[in-house]
PDB file of N, CA and C in Angstrom:
ATOM      1  N   MET A   1      -5.859  21.340   3.884  1.00  0.00           N
ATOM      2  CA  MET A   1      -5.275  20.107   3.860  1.00  0.00           C
ATOM      3  C   MET A   1      -5.784  19.169   5.191  1.00  0.00           C
ATOM      4  N   ILE A   2      -6.341  18.117   4.954  1.00  0.00           N
ATOM      5  CA  ILE A   2      -6.961  17.327   5.945  1.00  0.00           C
ATOM      6  C   ILE A   2      -6.483  15.883   5.906  1.00  0.00           C
ATOM      7  N   GLU A   3      -5.780  15.575   7.093  1.00  0.00           N
ATOM      8  CA  GLU A   3      -5.161  14.217   7.430  1.00  0.00           C
ATOM      9  C   GLU A   3      -6.407  13.095   7.423  1.00  0.00           C
ATOM     10  N   ILE A   4      -6.149  11.998   6.514  1.00  0.00           N
ATOM     11  CA  ILE A   4      -7.144  10.878   6.485  1.00  0.00           C
ATOM     12  C   ILE A   4      -6.633   9.568   6.946  1.00  0.00           C
ATOM     13  N   TYR A   5      -5.309   9.439   7.010  1.00  0.00           N
ATOM     14  CA  TYR A   5      -4.696   8.200   7.528  1.00  0.00           C
ATOM     15  C   TYR A   5      -3.366   8.484   8.066  1.00  0.00           C
ATOM     16  N   ARG A   6      -2.963   7.722   8.988  1.00  0.00           N
ATOM     17  CA  ARG A   6      -1.575   7.728   9.624  1.00  0.00           C
ATOM     18  C   ARG A   6      -1.287   6.345  10.052  1.00  0.00           C
ATOM     19  N   ASN A   7      -0.003   5.929   9.786  1.00  0.00           N
ATOM     20  CA  ASN A   7       0.432   4.729  10.019  1.00  0.00           C
ATOM     21  C   ASN A   7       1.927   4.701  10.002  1.00  0.00           C
ATOM     22  N   ARG A   8       2.650   4.115  11.082  1.00  0.00           N
ATOM     23  CA  ARG A   8       4.022   4.097  11.033  1.00  0.00           C
ATOM     24  C   ARG A   8       4.863   3.514   9.968  1.00  0.00           C
ATOM     25  N   ASP A   9       4.063   2.656   9.173  1.00  0.00           N
ATOM     26  CA  ASP A   9       4.687   2.261   7.979  1.00  0.00           C
ATOM     27  C   ASP A   9       4.528   3.070   6.648  1.00  0.00           C
ATOM     28  N   SER A  10       5.683   3.704   6.406  1.00  0.00           N
ATOM     29  CA  SER A  10       5.622   4.693   5.266  1.00  0.00           C
ATOM     30  C   SER A  10       5.238   4.001   3.983  1.00  0.00           C
ATOM     31  N   ALA A  11       5.624   2.733   3.802  1.00  0.00           N
ATOM     32  CA  ALA A  11       5.398   2.081   2.492  1.00  0.00           C
ATOM     33  C   ALA A  11       3.834   2.013   2.381  1.00  0.00           C
ATOM     34  N   THR A  12       3.067   1.708   3.408  1.00  0.00           N
ATOM     35  CA  THR A  12       1.703   1.599   3.385  1.00  0.00           C
ATOM     36  C   THR A  12       0.978   2.863   2.998  1.00  0.00           C
ATOM     37  N   VAL A  13       1.491   3.945   3.645  1.00  0.00           N
ATOM     38  CA  VAL A  13       1.055   5.365   3.429  1.00  0.00           C
ATOM     39  C   VAL A  13       1.447   5.724   1.966  1.00  0.00           C
ATOM     40  N   GLY A  14       2.607   5.519   1.615  1.00  0.00           N
ATOM     41  CA  GLY A  14       2.840   5.780   0.092  1.00  0.00           C
ATOM     42  C   GLY A  14       2.056   5.193  -0.916  1.00  0.00           C
ATOM     43  N   THR A  15       1.691   3.816  -0.498  1.00  0.00           N
ATOM     44  CA  THR A  15       0.842   3.018  -1.472  1.00  0.00           C
ATOM     45  C   THR A  15      -0.427   3.685  -1.529  1.00  0.00           C
ATOM     46  N   LEU A  16      -0.985   4.066  -0.383  1.00  0.00           N
ATOM     47  CA  LEU A  16      -2.355   4.809  -0.450  1.00  0.00           C
ATOM     48  C   LEU A  16      -2.402   6.118  -1.045  1.00  0.00           C
ATOM     49  N   GLN A  17      -1.324   6.870  -1.064  1.00  0.00           N
ATOM     50  CA  GLN A  17      -1.106   7.991  -1.548  1.00  0.00           C
ATOM     51  C   GLN A  17      -0.976   7.912  -3.104  1.00  0.00           C
ATOM     52  N   ASN A  18      -0.476   7.077  -3.565  1.00  0.00           N
ATOM     53  CA  ASN A  18      -0.391   6.602  -5.100  1.00  0.00           C
ATOM     54  C   ASN A  18      -1.968   6.154  -5.438  1.00  0.00           C
ATOM     55  N   LEU A  19      -2.613   5.422  -4.672  1.00  0.00           N
ATOM     56  CA  LEU A  19      -3.963   5.055  -5.003  1.00  0.00           C
ATOM     57  C   LEU A  19      -4.814   6.226  -5.199  1.00  0.00           C
ATOM     58  N   LEU A  20      -4.694   7.123  -4.209  1.00  0.00           N
ATOM     59  CA  LEU A  20      -5.456   8.351  -4.162  1.00  0.00           C
ATOM     60  C   LEU A  20      -5.233   9.422  -5.583  1.00  0.00           C
ATOM     61  N   GLU A  21      -3.862   9.503  -5.704  1.00  0.00           N
ATOM     62  CA  GLU A  21      -3.470  10.357  -6.771  1.00  0.00           C
ATOM     63  C   GLU A  21      -3.845   9.809  -8.162  1.00  0.00           C
ATOM     64  N   SER A  22      -3.963   8.325  -8.167  1.00  0.00           N
ATOM     65  CA  SER A  22      -4.224   7.603  -9.440  1.00  0.00           C
ATOM     66  C   SER A  22      -5.700   7.989  -9.851  1.00  0.00           C
ATOM     67  N   GLU A  23      -6.553   8.286  -8.731  1.00  0.00           N
ATOM     68  CA  GLU A  23      -8.101   8.560  -8.842  1.00  0.00           C
ATOM     69  C   GLU A  23      -8.316  10.100  -9.035  1.00  0.00           C
ATOM     70  N   GLY A  24      -7.247  10.895  -9.089  1.00  0.00           N
ATOM     71  CA  GLY A  24      -7.315  12.355  -9.318  1.00  0.00           C
ATOM     72  C   GLY A  24      -7.387  13.045  -8.029  1.00  0.00           C
ATOM     73  N   ILE A  25      -7.192  12.538  -6.820  1.00  0.00           N
ATOM     74  CA  ILE A  25      -7.218  13.175  -5.687  1.00  0.00           C
ATOM     75  C   ILE A  25      -5.729  13.692  -5.333  1.00  0.00           C
ATOM     76  N   ARG A  26      -5.781  15.011  -5.114  1.00  0.00           N
ATOM     77  CA  ARG A  26      -4.456  15.643  -4.657  1.00  0.00           C
ATOM     78  C   ARG A  26      -4.200  15.396  -3.301  1.00  0.00           C
ATOM     79  N   THR A  27      -2.834  14.989  -2.956  1.00  0.00           N
ATOM     80  CA  THR A  27      -2.632  14.611  -1.609  1.00  0.00           C
ATOM     81  C   THR A  27      -1.289  15.068  -1.260  1.00  0.00           C
ATOM     82  N   TYR A  28      -0.977  15.173   0.151  1.00  0.00           N
ATOM     83  CA  TYR A  28       0.312  15.483   0.671  1.00  0.00           C
ATOM     84  C   TYR A  28       0.615  14.529   1.579  1.00  0.00           C
ATOM     85  N   LEU A  29       1.896  14.119   1.771  1.00  0.00           N
ATOM     86  CA  LEU A  29       2.554  13.279   2.649  1.00  0.00           C
ATOM     87  C   LEU A  29       3.205  13.900   3.621  1.00  0.00           C
ATOM     88  N   ARG A  30       2.778  13.858   4.835  1.00  0.00           N
ATOM     89  CA  ARG A  30       3.340  14.578   6.058  1.00  0.00           C
ATOM     90  C   ARG A  30       4.154  13.663   7.028  1.00  0.00           C
ATOM     91  N   ASN A  31       5.294  14.150   7.455  1.00  0.00           N
ATOM     92  CA  ASN A  31       6.018  13.321   8.253  1.00  0.00           C
ATOM     93  C   ASN A  31       6.531  12.010   7.678  1.00  0.00           C
ATOM     94  N   ASP A  32       6.849  12.134   6.372  1.00  0.00           N
ATOM     95  CA  ASP A  32       7.225  10.739   5.727  1.00  0.00           C
ATOM     96  C   ASP A  32       8.615  10.291   6.090  1.00  0.00           C
ATOM     97  N   SER A  33       9.715  11.173   6.634  1.00  0.00           N
ATOM     98  CA  SER A  33      10.841  10.621   6.976  1.00  0.00           C
ATOM     99  C   SER A  33      10.829  10.229   8.643  1.00  0.00           C
ATOM    100  N   VAL A  34       9.817  10.642   9.205  1.00  0.00           N
ATOM    101  CA  VAL A  34       9.833  10.349  10.788  1.00  0.00           C
ATOM    102  C   VAL A  34       9.784   9.017  11.065  1.00  0.00           C
ATOM    103  N   SER A  35       9.315   7.985  10.230  1.00  0.00           N
ATOM    104  CA  SER A  35       9.291   6.605  10.598  1.00  0.00           C
ATOM    105  C   SER A  35      10.791   6.092  10.721  1.00  0.00           C
ATOM    106  N   ARG A  36      11.694   6.789  10.188  1.00  0.00           N
ATOM    107  CA  ARG A  36      13.010   6.191  10.353  1.00  0.00           C
ATOM    108  C   ARG A  36      13.659   6.498  11.993  1.00  0.00           C
ATOM    109  N   THR A  37      12.949   7.195  12.573  1.00  0.00           N
ATOM    110  CA  THR A  37      13.675   7.451  13.857  1.00  0.00           C
ATOM    111  C   THR A  37      13.489   6.141  14.765  1.00  0.00           C
ATOM    112  N   MET A  38      14.304   6.217  15.831  1.00  0.00           N
ATOM    113  CA  MET A  38      14.519   5.077  16.713  1.00  0.00           C
ATOM    114  C   MET A  38      13.341   4.840  17.738  1.00  0.00           C
ATOM    115  N   VAL A  39      12.874   6.152  18.038  1.00  0.00           N
ATOM    116  CA  VAL A  39      11.741   6.077  19.061  1.00  0.00           C
ATOM    117  C   VAL A  39      10.395   6.217  18.243  1.00  0.00           C
ATOM    118  N   GLU A  40       9.475   5.239  18.591  1.00  0.00           N
ATOM    119  CA  GLU A  40       8.050   5.538  17.999  1.00  0.00           C
ATOM    120  C   GLU A  40       7.245   6.612  18.519  1.00  0.00           C
ATOM    121  N   ILE A  41       6.739   7.489  17.870  1.00  0.00           N
ATOM    122  CA  ILE A  41       5.987   8.557  18.305  1.00  0.00           C
ATOM    123  C   ILE A  41       4.769   8.609  17.428  1.00  0.00           C
ATOM    124  N   PRO A  42       3.589   7.856  17.858  1.00  0.00           N
ATOM    125  CA  PRO A  42       2.334   7.905  16.891  1.00  0.00           C
ATOM    126  C   PRO A  42       1.879   9.246  16.395  1.00  0.00           C
ATOM    127  N   GLU A  43       1.996  10.242  17.257  1.00  0.00           N
ATOM    128  CA  GLU A  43       1.675  11.666  16.840  1.00  0.00           C
ATOM    129  C   GLU A  43       2.445  12.017  15.452  1.00  0.00           C
ATOM    130  N   VAL A  44       3.456  11.409  15.252  1.00  0.00           N
ATOM    131  CA  VAL A  44       4.282  11.948  14.115  1.00  0.00           C
ATOM    132  C   VAL A  44       4.621  10.885  13.097  1.00  0.00           C
ATOM    133  N   TYR A  45       3.696   9.659  13.176  1.00  0.00           N
ATOM    134  CA  TYR A  45       3.869   8.758  11.982  1.00  0.00           C
ATOM    135  C   TYR A  45       3.515   9.436  10.798  1.00  0.00           C
ATOM    136  N   PRO A  46       4.112   8.769   9.655  1.00  0.00           N
ATOM    137  CA  PRO A  46       3.668   9.313   8.392  1.00  0.00           C
ATOM    138  C   PRO A  46       2.157   9.500   8.173  1.00  0.00           C
ATOM    139  N   ALA A  47       1.718  10.678   7.616  1.00  0.00           N
ATOM    140  CA  ALA A  47       0.323  10.791   7.527  1.00  0.00           C
ATOM    141  C   ALA A  47      -0.044  11.193   6.072  1.00  0.00           C
ATOM    142  N   LEU A  48      -1.102  10.709   5.584  1.00  0.00           N
ATOM    143  CA  LEU A  48      -1.617  11.109   4.266  1.00  0.00           C
ATOM    144  C   LEU A  48      -2.737  12.072   4.480  1.00  0.00           C
ATOM    145  N   CYS A  49      -2.594  13.147   3.658  1.00  0.00           N
ATOM    146  CA  CYS A  49      -3.466  14.320   3.829  1.00  0.00           C
ATOM    147  C   CYS A  49      -4.083  14.675   2.268  1.00  0.00           C
ATOM    148  N   VAL A  50      -5.385  15.020   2.346  1.00  0.00           N
ATOM    149  CA  VAL A  50      -6.070  15.270   1.139  1.00  0.00           C
ATOM    150  C   VAL A  50      -5.889  16.963   1.127  1.00  0.00           C
ATOM    151  N   LEU A  51      -5.522  17.403   0.043  1.00  0.00           N
ATOM    152  CA  LEU A  51      -5.570  18.928  -0.119  1.00  0.00           C
ATOM    153  C   LEU A  51      -6.846  19.646  -0.421  1.00  0.00           C
ATOM    154  N   ASP A  52      -7.668  18.943  -1.173  1.00  0.00           N
ATOM    155  CA  ASP A  52      -9.100  19.516  -1.244  1.00  0.00           C
ATOM    156  C   ASP A  52     -10.082  19.009  -0.623  1.00  0.00           C
ATOM    157  N   GLU A  53     -10.813  19.819   0.291  1.00  0.00           N
ATOM    158  CA  GLU A  53     -11.909  19.322   1.170  1.00  0.00           C
ATOM    159  C   GLU A  53     -12.884  18.664   0.526  1.00  0.00           C
ATOM    160  N   ALA A  54     -13.202  18.986  -0.667  1.00  0.00           N
ATOM    161  CA  ALA A  54     -14.243  18.279  -1.618  1.00  0.00           C
ATOM    162  C   ALA A  54     -14.058  16.836  -1.714  1.00  0.00           C
ATOM    163  N   ASP A  55     -12.595  16.306  -1.586  1.00  0.00           N
ATOM    164  CA  ASP A  55     -12.206  15.222  -1.888  1.00  0.00           C
ATOM    165  C   ASP A  55     -11.903  14.128  -0.718  1.00  0.00           C
ATOM    166  N   VAL A  56     -12.268  14.704   0.398  1.00  0.00           N
ATOM    167  CA  VAL A  56     -11.925  14.032   1.760  1.00  0.00           C
ATOM    168  C   VAL A  56     -12.722  12.778   1.830  1.00  0.00           C
ATOM    169  N   GLU A  57     -14.056  12.740   1.447  1.00  0.00           N
ATOM    170  CA  GLU A  57     -15.052  11.840   1.697  1.00  0.00           C
ATOM    171  C   GLU A  57     -14.670  10.704   0.713  1.00  0.00           C
ATOM    172  N   ARG A  58     -14.367  10.824  -0.659  1.00  0.00           N
ATOM    173  CA  ARG A  58     -13.942   9.781  -1.578  1.00  0.00           C
ATOM    174  C   ARG A  58     -12.544   9.218  -1.109  1.00  0.00           C
ATOM    175  N   GLY A  59     -11.658  10.106  -0.653  1.00  0.00           N
ATOM    176  CA  GLY A  59     -10.470   9.513  -0.205  1.00  0.00           C
ATOM    177  C   GLY A  59     -10.486   8.596   0.992  1.00  0.00           C
ATOM    178  N   VAL A  60     -11.225   8.847   1.994  1.00  0.00           N
ATOM    179  CA  VAL A  60     -11.549   8.153   3.048  1.00  0.00           C
ATOM    180  C   VAL A  60     -12.200   6.745   2.626  1.00  0.00           C
ATOM    181  N   GLU A  61     -13.129   6.985   1.711  1.00  0.00           N
ATOM    182  CA  GLU A  61     -13.683   5.691   1.058  1.00  0.00           C
ATOM    183  C   GLU A  61     -12.507   4.892   0.489  1.00  0.00           C
ATOM    184  N   LEU A  62     -11.876   5.510  -0.235  1.00  0.00           N
ATOM    185  CA  LEU A  62     -10.974   4.410  -1.043  1.00  0.00           C
ATOM    186  C   LEU A  62      -9.887   3.943  -0.028  1.00  0.00           C
ATOM    187  N   VAL A  63      -9.294   4.573   0.928  1.00  0.00           N
ATOM    188  CA  VAL A  63      -8.410   4.052   1.952  1.00  0.00           C
ATOM    189  C   VAL A  63      -9.166   2.954   2.639  1.00  0.00           C
ATOM    190  N   ARG A  64     -10.445   3.172   2.942  1.00  0.00           N
ATOM    191  CA  ARG A  64     -11.068   2.307   3.855  1.00  0.00           C
ATOM    192  C   ARG A  64     -11.204   0.910   2.976  1.00  0.00           C
ATOM    193  N   ASP A  65     -11.737   1.077   1.743  1.00  0.00           N
ATOM    194  CA  ASP A  65     -11.895  -0.204   0.690  1.00  0.00           C
ATOM    195  C   ASP A  65     -10.574  -0.843   0.522  1.00  0.00           C
ATOM    196  N   TYR A  66      -9.544  -0.176   0.564  1.00  0.00           N
ATOM    197  CA  TYR A  66      -8.108  -0.832   0.286  1.00  0.00           C
ATOM    198  C   TYR A  66      -7.794  -1.565   1.513  1.00  0.00           C
ATOM    199  N   ILE A  67      -7.870  -1.035   2.617  1.00  0.00           N
ATOM    200  CA  ILE A  67      -7.503  -1.610   3.880  1.00  0.00           C
ATOM    201  C   ILE A  67      -8.226  -2.736   4.325  1.00  0.00           C
ATOM    202  N   GLU A  68      -9.559  -2.513   3.921  1.00  0.00           N
ATOM    203  CA  GLU A  68     -10.424  -3.801   4.601  1.00  0.00           C
ATOM    204  C   GLU A  68     -10.725  -4.745   3.534  1.00  0.00           C
ATOM    205  N   VAL A  69      -9.839  -4.852   2.471  1.00  0.00           N
ATOM    206  CA  VAL A  69     -10.021  -5.969   1.607  1.00  0.00           C
ATOM    207  C   VAL A  69      -9.758  -7.354   2.266  1.00  0.00           C
ATOM    208  N   PRO A  70     -10.605  -8.155   2.293  1.00  0.00           N
ATOM    209  CA  PRO A  70     -10.335  -9.444   3.006  1.00  0.00           C
ATOM    210  C   PRO A  70      -9.276 -10.189   2.357  1.00  0.00           C
ATOM    211  N   LYS A  71      -8.269 -10.597   3.005  1.00  0.00           N
ATOM    212  CA  LYS A  71      -7.140 -11.239   2.702  1.00  0.00           C
ATOM    213  C   LYS A  71      -7.225 -12.441   1.766  1.00  0.00           C
ATOM    214  N   ASP A  72      -8.489 -13.293   2.025  1.00  0.00           N
ATOM    215  CA  ASP A  72      -8.547 -14.301   0.927  1.00  0.00           C
ATOM    216  C   ASP A  72      -8.980 -13.891  -0.405  1.00  0.00           C
ATOM    217  N   GLU A  73      -9.421 -12.628  -0.741  1.00  0.00           N
ATOM    218  CA  GLU A  73      -9.629 -12.165  -2.128  1.00  0.00           C
ATOM    219  C   GLU A  73      -8.197 -12.223  -2.854  1.00  0.00           C
ATOM    220  N   THR A  74      -7.169 -12.352  -2.143  1.00  0.00           N
ATOM    221  CA  THR A  74      -5.915 -12.367  -3.175  1.00  0.00           C
ATOM    222  C   THR A  74      -5.701 -13.841  -3.413  1.00  0.00           C
ATOM    223  N   GLY A  75      -6.484 -14.690  -3.084  1.00  0.00           N
ATOM    224  CA  GLY A  75      -6.317 -16.190  -3.535  1.00  0.00           C
ATOM    225  C   GLY A  75      -5.028 -16.712  -2.740  1.00  0.00           C
ATOM    226  N   PRO A  76      -5.019 -18.019  -2.885  1.00  0.00           N
ATOM    227  CA  PRO A  76      -3.777 -18.791  -2.115  1.00  0.00           C
ATOM    228  C   PRO A  76      -2.473 -18.387  -2.657  1.00  0.00           C
ATOM    229  N   GLU A  77      -1.627 -18.512  -1.724  1.00  0.00           N
ATOM    230  CA  GLU A  77      -0.176 -18.143  -2.055  1.00  0.00           C
ATOM    231  C   GLU A  77       0.132 -19.270  -3.150  1.00  0.00           C
ATOM    232  N   LEU A  78       1.004 -18.879  -4.058  1.00  0.00           N
ATOM    233  CA  LEU A  78       1.555 -19.668  -5.091  1.00  0.00           C
ATOM    234  C   LEU A  78       3.066 -19.903  -4.740  1.00  0.00           C
ATOM    235  N   THR A  79       3.559 -21.170  -5.112  1.00  0.00           N
ATOM    236  CA  THR A  79       4.860 -21.564  -4.959  1.00  0.00           C
ATOM    237  C   THR A  79       5.590 -21.580  -6.324  1.00  0.00           C
ATOM    238  N   CYS A  80       6.727 -20.781  -6.288  1.00  0.00           N
ATOM    239  CA  CYS A  80       7.538 -20.628  -7.513  1.00  0.00           C
ATOM    240  C   CYS A  80       8.072 -21.796  -7.943  1.00  0.00           C
ATOM    241  N   PRO A  81       7.885 -22.376  -9.221  1.00  0.00           N
ATOM    242  CA  PRO A  81       8.452 -23.578  -9.666  1.00  0.00           C
ATOM    243  C   PRO A  81      10.109 -23.663  -9.713  1.00  0.00           C
ATOM    244  N   LYS A  82      10.454 -22.177  -9.810  1.00  0.00           N
ATOM    245  CA  LYS A  82      12.031 -22.097 -10.001  1.00  0.00           C
ATOM    246  C   LYS A  82      12.745 -22.160  -8.643  1.00  0.00           C
ATOM    247  N   CYS A  83      12.323 -21.191  -7.742  1.00  0.00           N
ATOM    248  CA  CYS A  83      13.070 -21.190  -6.503  1.00  0.00           C
ATOM    249  C   CYS A  83      12.456 -21.559  -5.235  1.00  0.00           C
ATOM    250  N   GLY A  84      11.056 -21.932  -5.442  1.00  0.00           N
ATOM    251  CA  GLY A  84      10.324 -22.436  -4.324  1.00  0.00           C
ATOM    252  C   GLY A  84       9.689 -21.390  -3.212  1.00  0.00           C
ATOM    253  N   GLU A  85      10.005 -20.119  -3.574  1.00  0.00           N
ATOM    254  CA  GLU A  85       9.439 -19.153  -2.857  1.00  0.00           C
ATOM    255  C   GLU A  85       7.929 -18.903  -2.985  1.00  0.00           C
ATOM    256  N   GLN A  86       7.365 -18.544  -1.804  1.00  0.00           N
ATOM    257  CA  GLN A  86       5.970 -18.176  -1.902  1.00  0.00           C
ATOM    258  C   GLN A  86       5.713 -16.705  -2.405  1.00  0.00           C
ATOM    259  N   SER A  87       4.701 -16.599  -3.190  1.00  0.00           N
ATOM    260  CA  SER A  87       4.137 -15.370  -3.471  1.00  0.00           C
ATOM    261  C   SER A  87       2.609 -15.087  -3.378  1.00  0.00           C
ATOM    262  N   PRO A  88       2.066 -14.076  -3.203  1.00  0.00           N
ATOM    263  CA  PRO A  88       0.653 -13.793  -3.220  1.00  0.00           C
ATOM    264  C   PRO A  88      -0.030 -14.301  -4.448  1.00  0.00           C
ATOM    265  N   GLY A  89      -1.274 -14.802  -4.277  1.00  0.00           N
ATOM    266  CA  GLY A  89      -1.902 -15.325  -5.343  1.00  0.00           C
ATOM    267  C   GLY A  89      -2.291 -14.335  -6.622  1.00  0.00           C
ATOM    268  N   THR A  90      -2.194 -13.208  -6.266  1.00  0.00           N
ATOM    269  CA  THR A  90      -2.316 -11.995  -7.383  1.00  0.00           C
ATOM    270  C   THR A  90      -1.163 -11.830  -8.311  1.00  0.00           C
ATOM    271  N   PHE A  91       0.079 -12.448  -7.841  1.00  0.00           N
ATOM    272  CA  PHE A  91       1.233 -12.083  -8.551  1.00  0.00           C
ATOM    273  C   PHE A  91       1.249 -13.090  -9.884  1.00  0.00           C
ATOM    274  N   ASP A  92       1.860 -12.540 -10.883  1.00  0.00           N
ATOM    275  CA  ASP A  92       2.121 -13.421 -12.160  1.00  0.00           C
ATOM    276  C   ASP A  92       3.469 -13.907 -12.235  1.00  0.00           C
ATOM    277  N   ALA A  93       4.342 -13.185 -11.525  1.00  0.00           N
ATOM    278  CA  ALA A  93       5.641 -13.587 -11.497  1.00  0.00           C
ATOM    279  C   ALA A  93       6.176 -13.723 -10.033  1.00  0.00           C
ATOM    280  N   CYS A  94       7.314 -14.551  -9.826  1.00  0.00           N
ATOM    281  CA  CYS A  94       7.722 -14.576  -8.459  1.00  0.00           C
ATOM    282  C   CYS A  94       8.638 -13.335  -8.056  1.00  0.00           C
ATOM    283  N   TRP A  95       8.298 -12.926  -6.873  1.00  0.00           N
ATOM    284  CA  TRP A  95       8.761 -11.599  -6.275  1.00  0.00           C
ATOM    285  C   TRP A  95      10.343 -11.822  -6.102  1.00  0.00           C
ATOM    286  N   ASN A  96      10.767 -13.129  -5.907  1.00  0.00           N
ATOM    287  CA  ASN A  96      12.114 -13.369  -5.622  1.00  0.00           C
ATOM    288  C   ASN A  96      13.054 -13.542  -6.712  1.00  0.00           C
ATOM    289  N   CYS A  97      12.548 -14.294  -7.716  1.00  0.00           N
ATOM    290  CA  CYS A  97      13.463 -14.510  -8.992  1.00  0.00           C
ATOM    291  C   CYS A  97      13.093 -14.015 -10.347  1.00  0.00           C
ATOM    292  N   GLY A  98      11.654 -13.854 -10.203  1.00  0.00           N
ATOM    293  CA  GLY A  98      11.039 -13.297 -11.588  1.00  0.00           C
ATOM    294  C   GLY A  98      10.482 -14.230 -12.336  1.00  0.00           C
ATOM    295  N   ALA A  99      10.718 -15.676 -12.135  1.00  0.00           N
ATOM    296  CA  ALA A  99      10.024 -16.521 -12.907  1.00  0.00           C
ATOM    297  C   ALA A  99       8.458 -16.568 -12.939  1.00  0.00           C
ATOM    298  N   LEU A 100       7.851 -16.824 -13.999  1.00  0.00           N
ATOM    299  CA  LEU A 100       6.381 -16.848 -14.160  1.00  0.00           C
ATOM    300  C   LEU A 100       5.930 -17.949 -13.175  1.00  0.00           C
ATOM    301  N   LEU A 101       4.769 -17.523 -12.516  1.00  0.00           N
ATOM    302  CA  LEU A 101       4.257 -18.557 -11.477  1.00  0.00           C
ATOM    303  C   LEU A 101       3.496 -19.698 -12.292  1.00  0.00           C
ATOM    304  N   GLY A 102       3.298 -19.379 -13.639  1.00  0.00           N
ATOM    305  CA  GLY A 102       2.465 -20.524 -14.405  1.00  0.00           C
ATOM    306  C   GLY A 102       3.499 -21.389 -14.766  1.00  0.00           C
ATOM    307  N   GLY A 103       4.921 -21.184 -14.630  1.00  0.00           N
ATOM    308  CA  GLY A 103       5.896 -22.198 -15.090  1.00  0.00           C
ATOM    309  C   GLY A 103       6.879 -21.748 -15.896  1.00  0.00           C
ATOM    310  N   GLY A 104       6.757 -20.530 -16.655  1.00  0.00           N
ATOM    311  CA  GLY A 104       7.983 -20.282 -17.485  1.00  0.00           C
ATOM    312  C   GLY A 104       8.953 -19.402 -16.949  1.00  0.00           C
ATOM    313  N   GLU A 105       9.788 -18.602 -17.710  1.00  0.00           N
ATOM    314  CA  GLU A 105      10.772 -17.749 -17.132  1.00  0.00           C
ATOM    315  C   GLU A 105       9.962 -16.476 -17.736  1.00  0.00           C
ATOM    316  N   ALA A 106      10.285 -15.198 -16.718  1.00  0.00           N
ATOM    317  CA  ALA A 106       9.708 -14.033 -16.995  1.00  0.00           C
ATOM    318  C   ALA A 106      10.877 -13.155 -17.798  1.00  0.00           C
TER     319      ALA A 106
END
């Protein structure tokens, strides 16, 4: 088991775990409940580990590619025609009310 990524945001670590698992890389999430503590201790932030040493290089590459995606590749934010909330340009439906960002109801 080799740690390849650590972050205080357990949601980010969980997203990356799902990404690696979807690519067939077996993972383990260490310290996943520690982020709920009041005191920040970087050494025990949630950590994503790869179980098979042969998958480490590919796992690191996938994590790096995910993290380094330029923000402008998601496109401009879209304004919901129903509630006026802003959603990322990659969304088809409003995150707030579910209305289609193209104009209809979801």
